[in-house]
Each structure stands twice: as structure tokens, then as C-alpha cells.
Amino acid sequence: MHTLEAIATRRSIRRFKSDELDRLTIERLLTSAIQTPSGKNRQPWHWIVLTGDARTHLADLIDQSCGAIRVEGGQTGSAPASAAIIRQAPVTIMAFETEIPQDWKAFEEVARLVDTQSIGAAIQNICLAATDLGLGSLWIGDVLYAESAITQWLGGSGERMIAAISIGLPDESPEARSRKPLAEVVEWKDDPS
């Protein structure tokens, strides 16, 4: 599969078959992630692969955190649905940003933005590599509703949780979702005024 084809055919998969993924396949996905360019070649990512009962525990933490938020009158968006997907997918990869180096503290806000961009690109590489391998993936941001509980469980002291990616054999074939036309989202300039 060519890159442009993977980009065009990648879908967010929310239903997975129960087939397990072998370690070599998961490592291929992670290799695609770490080949991503990053600001100052810092490679600010830390990946934690969850399989088996660890996925269920992650989903339980999300459900518990969402329950506490709702008791307080807060909203949790689609996080409960994401927890159900995490339980179903055979693999979920957690993406963390490593700690900002001490000598970068003066530029921490910029460094965090650049690191987040780099990790986002690495996550996209995982999703595109999954598509290329005939797998489905779902980039899950609403795990952040349970960031404190998940970080405490996984021991990510000094690290910041960014997202999760659930991966497996797809059990659905969703159509492409609509996209805004280029004319609506692109502006061309050839003059500085």
C-alpha cells in the first residue's frame, strides 16, 4: 500500500474482532512511531503497550473517573464509549510525553507544544502503519478524563499522558466521513500585504 492510499483509506475503527495481535506486529507499529521526526530530535515519547487484563483495568479506570466527574455534574463526552472499545480491542498503546529537560524550562510552553506535535505525528504513523497492515485503529484522546488515575497506575511520574491508540483486526468497514472542501480551509498568499 502506498502512503497516499493509507491516508485515504484509514478509518477510525470502533469495533474489533477478538483475534490477538502478535508481538512482532505490535513492534512494527511502534517502529513506525519512533521513526517520526521530532523537534530537536528529542523523541519525547514513551509508549506503554496494554494487552489482556491490563486493557480491562484501563477501561475500568476510565469508567470510574467518568463516574466521579458525572457525580460532580461534569461532562465526559464519549469517554465511556472509548472505555468499551478499549475492552474490545486486543491492544491499546498509551502515548506519554517524557519530562521536559531542565535546560528547556525557560521554553517549556513552546517545548510542550512541539513535543505534542511530534507525538501526534507518531500516533498518526501508528494509525497509518496499522492501515497498511490490514489492521484497524482508533486514536483516543478522551482517556485524558482519567489521566491522574492512569498515570498513577502506570507510574508515569514526570510524564504527561497524551492519548491512547486501540488496535486490532477491524470488525467494521465505515465509510469515509465528510471533509471540509479545500476552499474552505486553505488560504493562499503570494504577497506580504
Protein backbone atom coordinates (compact mmCIF):
# COMPACT_ATOMS: atom_id res chain seq x y z
CA MET A 1 0.00 0.00 0.00
CA HIS A 2 1.31 3.47 -0.87
CA THR A 3 1.31 6.26 1.71
CA LEU A 4 -1.39 8.31 -0.04
CA GLU A 5 -3.61 5.23 -0.22
CA ALA A 6 -3.12 4.55 3.51
CA ILE A 7 -4.02 8.17 4.27
CA ALA A 8 -7.15 7.97 2.10
CA THR A 9 -8.34 4.59 3.43
CA ARG A 10 -7.53 4.93 7.15
CA ARG A 11 -10.68 4.93 9.28
CA SER A 12 -11.38 5.26 12.98
CA ILE A 13 -12.42 1.73 13.95
CA ARG A 14 -14.73 1.26 16.91
CA ARG A 15 -15.47 -2.46 16.58
CA PHE A 16 -12.68 -5.03 16.63
CA LYS A 17 -12.51 -8.79 16.21
CA SER A 18 -11.24 -10.73 19.21
CA ASP A 19 -8.13 -12.04 17.38
CA GLU A 20 -4.93 -11.32 19.29
CA LEU A 21 -2.03 -9.48 17.63
CA ASP A 22 1.44 -10.98 17.77
CA ARG A 23 4.29 -9.07 19.37
CA LEU A 24 6.16 -8.65 16.06
CA THR A 25 3.18 -6.83 14.53
CA ILE A 26 2.92 -4.50 17.53
CA GLU A 27 6.66 -3.83 17.33
CA ARG A 28 6.31 -2.95 13.63
CA LEU A 29 3.69 -0.35 14.58
CA LEU A 30 5.91 1.05 17.32
CA THR A 31 8.87 1.15 14.94
CA SER A 32 6.79 3.33 12.62
CA ALA A 33 6.11 5.61 15.59
CA ILE A 34 9.72 6.08 16.61
CA GLN A 35 10.73 6.88 13.03
CA THR A 36 8.68 10.07 13.28
CA PRO A 37 10.64 13.33 13.20
CA SER A 38 10.58 15.30 16.45
CA GLY A 39 11.60 18.80 17.49
CA LYS A 40 15.37 18.91 18.14
CA ASN A 41 15.29 15.11 17.64
CA ARG A 42 14.19 14.91 21.28
CA GLN A 43 11.99 11.85 20.65
CA PRO A 44 9.77 12.87 23.58
CA TRP A 45 7.60 9.76 23.59
CA HIS A 46 7.16 6.85 25.94
CA TRP A 47 4.85 4.04 24.82
CA ILE A 48 3.15 1.53 27.11
CA VAL A 49 1.53 -1.47 25.41
CA LEU A 50 -1.52 -2.85 27.20
CA THR A 51 -2.90 -6.29 26.39
CA GLY A 52 -5.02 -8.83 28.24
CA ASP A 53 -6.37 -7.79 31.64
CA ALA A 54 -4.38 -4.53 31.56
CA ARG A 55 -6.81 -3.21 28.89
CA THR A 56 -9.76 -4.07 31.12
CA HIS A 57 -8.13 -2.29 34.06
CA LEU A 58 -7.53 0.79 31.88
CA ALA A 59 -11.19 0.80 30.82
CA ASP A 60 -12.27 0.39 34.47
CA LEU A 61 -10.16 3.42 35.46
CA ILE A 62 -11.82 5.47 32.71
CA ASP A 63 -15.29 4.37 33.81
CA GLN A 64 -14.53 5.14 37.48
CA SER A 65 -13.11 8.58 36.64
CA CYS A 66 -16.07 9.39 34.40
CA GLY A 67 -18.47 8.32 37.16
CA ALA A 68 -16.78 10.69 39.61
CA ILE A 69 -16.89 13.54 37.07
CA ARG A 70 -20.61 12.97 36.42
CA VAL A 71 -21.36 12.94 40.17
CA GLU A 72 -19.84 16.42 40.27
CA GLY A 73 -22.11 17.47 37.39
CA GLY A 74 -19.38 17.36 34.75
CA GLN A 75 -19.46 16.01 31.22
CA THR A 76 -17.30 13.15 29.95
CA GLY A 77 -18.09 13.19 26.24
CA SER A 78 -17.56 9.84 24.56
CA ALA A 79 -15.12 8.54 27.19
CA PRO A 80 -17.45 5.72 28.37
CA ALA A 81 -17.79 4.52 24.76
CA SER A 82 -14.00 4.70 24.41
CA ALA A 83 -13.64 2.52 27.52
CA ALA A 84 -15.88 -0.11 25.88
CA ILE A 85 -13.72 -0.01 22.73
CA ILE A 86 -10.54 -0.40 24.81
CA ARG A 87 -12.05 -3.52 26.43
CA GLN A 88 -12.78 -4.97 22.99
CA ALA A 89 -9.58 -4.18 21.06
CA PRO A 90 -6.77 -6.70 21.65
CA VAL A 91 -4.10 -3.97 22.07
CA THR A 92 -4.09 -0.43 23.38
CA ILE A 93 -0.92 1.63 23.23
CA MET A 94 -0.63 4.52 25.66
CA ALA A 95 1.32 7.58 24.50
CA PHE A 96 3.13 9.67 27.08
CA GLU A 97 5.33 12.73 26.71
CA THR A 98 8.59 12.40 28.60
CA GLU A 99 9.69 15.09 31.01
CA ILE A 100 10.94 18.41 29.63
CA PRO A 101 14.73 18.67 30.17
CA GLN A 102 15.82 21.10 32.90
CA ASP A 103 17.72 23.34 30.49
CA TRP A 104 14.50 23.77 28.44
CA LYS A 105 12.39 25.06 31.34
CA ALA A 106 12.58 28.65 30.09
CA PHE A 107 10.97 27.47 26.86
CA GLU A 108 8.61 24.93 28.47
CA GLU A 109 5.41 26.14 26.79
CA VAL A 110 6.96 26.01 23.30
CA ALA A 111 8.73 22.72 24.08
CA ARG A 112 5.43 21.14 25.21
CA LEU A 113 3.66 22.29 22.05
CA VAL A 114 6.45 20.97 19.83
CA ASP A 115 6.58 17.68 21.75
CA THR A 116 2.79 17.28 21.49
CA GLN A 117 3.00 17.87 17.73
CA SER A 118 5.78 15.27 17.47
CA ILE A 119 3.81 12.70 19.47
CA GLY A 120 0.69 13.41 17.40
CA ALA A 121 2.69 12.70 14.25
CA ALA A 122 3.97 9.46 15.81
CA ILE A 123 0.42 8.41 16.67
CA GLN A 124 -0.63 9.10 13.08
CA ASN A 125 2.28 6.94 11.89
CA ILE A 126 0.95 4.09 14.05
CA CYS A 127 -2.55 4.53 12.60
CA LEU A 128 -1.26 4.61 9.00
CA ALA A 129 1.02 1.60 9.58
CA ALA A 130 -1.96 -0.27 11.05
CA THR A 131 -3.97 0.51 7.91
CA ASP A 132 -1.08 -0.71 5.75
CA LEU A 133 -1.01 -3.99 7.72
CA GLY A 134 -4.77 -4.52 7.34
CA LEU A 135 -5.46 -3.55 10.94
CA GLY A 136 -7.86 -1.03 12.37
CA SER A 137 -7.00 1.67 14.87
CA LEU A 138 -8.70 4.30 17.00
CA TRP A 139 -6.84 7.35 18.30
CA ILE A 140 -8.45 8.02 21.70
CA GLY A 141 -7.99 11.40 23.34
CA ASP A 142 -10.72 11.16 25.95
CA VAL A 143 -8.60 8.82 28.10
CA LEU A 144 -7.45 12.16 29.49
CA TYR A 145 -10.61 12.24 31.66
CA ALA A 146 -8.81 9.59 33.73
CA GLU A 147 -5.28 10.96 33.34
CA SER A 148 -4.49 11.13 37.04
CA ALA A 149 -5.64 7.57 37.80
CA ILE A 150 -3.98 6.11 34.69
CA THR A 151 -0.69 7.93 35.25
CA GLN A 152 -0.63 6.81 38.88
CA TRP A 153 -1.32 3.21 37.84
CA LEU A 154 1.30 3.16 35.08
CA GLY A 155 3.90 5.01 37.14
CA GLY A 156 4.35 7.89 34.70
CA SER A 157 5.77 10.33 37.24
CA GLY A 158 7.09 13.38 35.42
CA GLU A 159 5.41 12.28 32.20
CA ARG A 160 2.26 13.67 30.65
CA MET A 161 -0.32 11.37 29.13
CA ILE A 162 -1.21 12.35 25.56
CA ALA A 163 -3.56 9.69 24.17
CA ALA A 164 -4.26 6.01 23.61
CA ILE A 165 -4.45 4.04 20.37
CA SER A 166 -6.57 0.89 20.27
CA ILE A 167 -5.57 -1.57 17.56
CA GLY A 168 -6.84 -4.86 16.19
CA LEU A 169 -8.49 -6.57 13.26
CA PRO A 170 -11.44 -4.38 12.26
CA ASP A 171 -14.94 -5.76 12.63
CA GLU A 172 -16.49 -2.93 10.64
CA SER A 173 -15.83 -1.01 7.43
CA PRO A 174 -17.01 2.55 7.98
CA GLU A 175 -17.41 4.88 5.04
CA ALA A 176 -15.18 7.93 4.78
CA ARG A 177 -16.51 10.85 6.80
CA SER A 178 -17.11 14.14 5.08
CA ARG A 179 -14.29 16.66 4.93
CA LYS A 180 -14.47 20.40 4.50
CA PRO A 181 -13.50 21.43 0.98
CA LEU A 182 -10.02 22.88 0.44
CA ALA A 183 -11.53 26.23 -0.49
CA GLU A 184 -12.99 26.47 3.00
CA VAL A 185 -9.82 25.61 4.95
CA VAL A 186 -6.91 26.80 2.78
CA GLU A 187 -5.79 30.35 2.16
CA TRP A 188 -3.15 31.22 -0.46
CA LYS A 189 -0.88 34.26 -0.16
CA ASP A 190 1.77 35.42 -2.59
CA ASP A 191 2.04 38.99 -1.33
CA PRO A 192 3.20 40.03 2.18
CA SER A 193 0.49 42.71 2.47
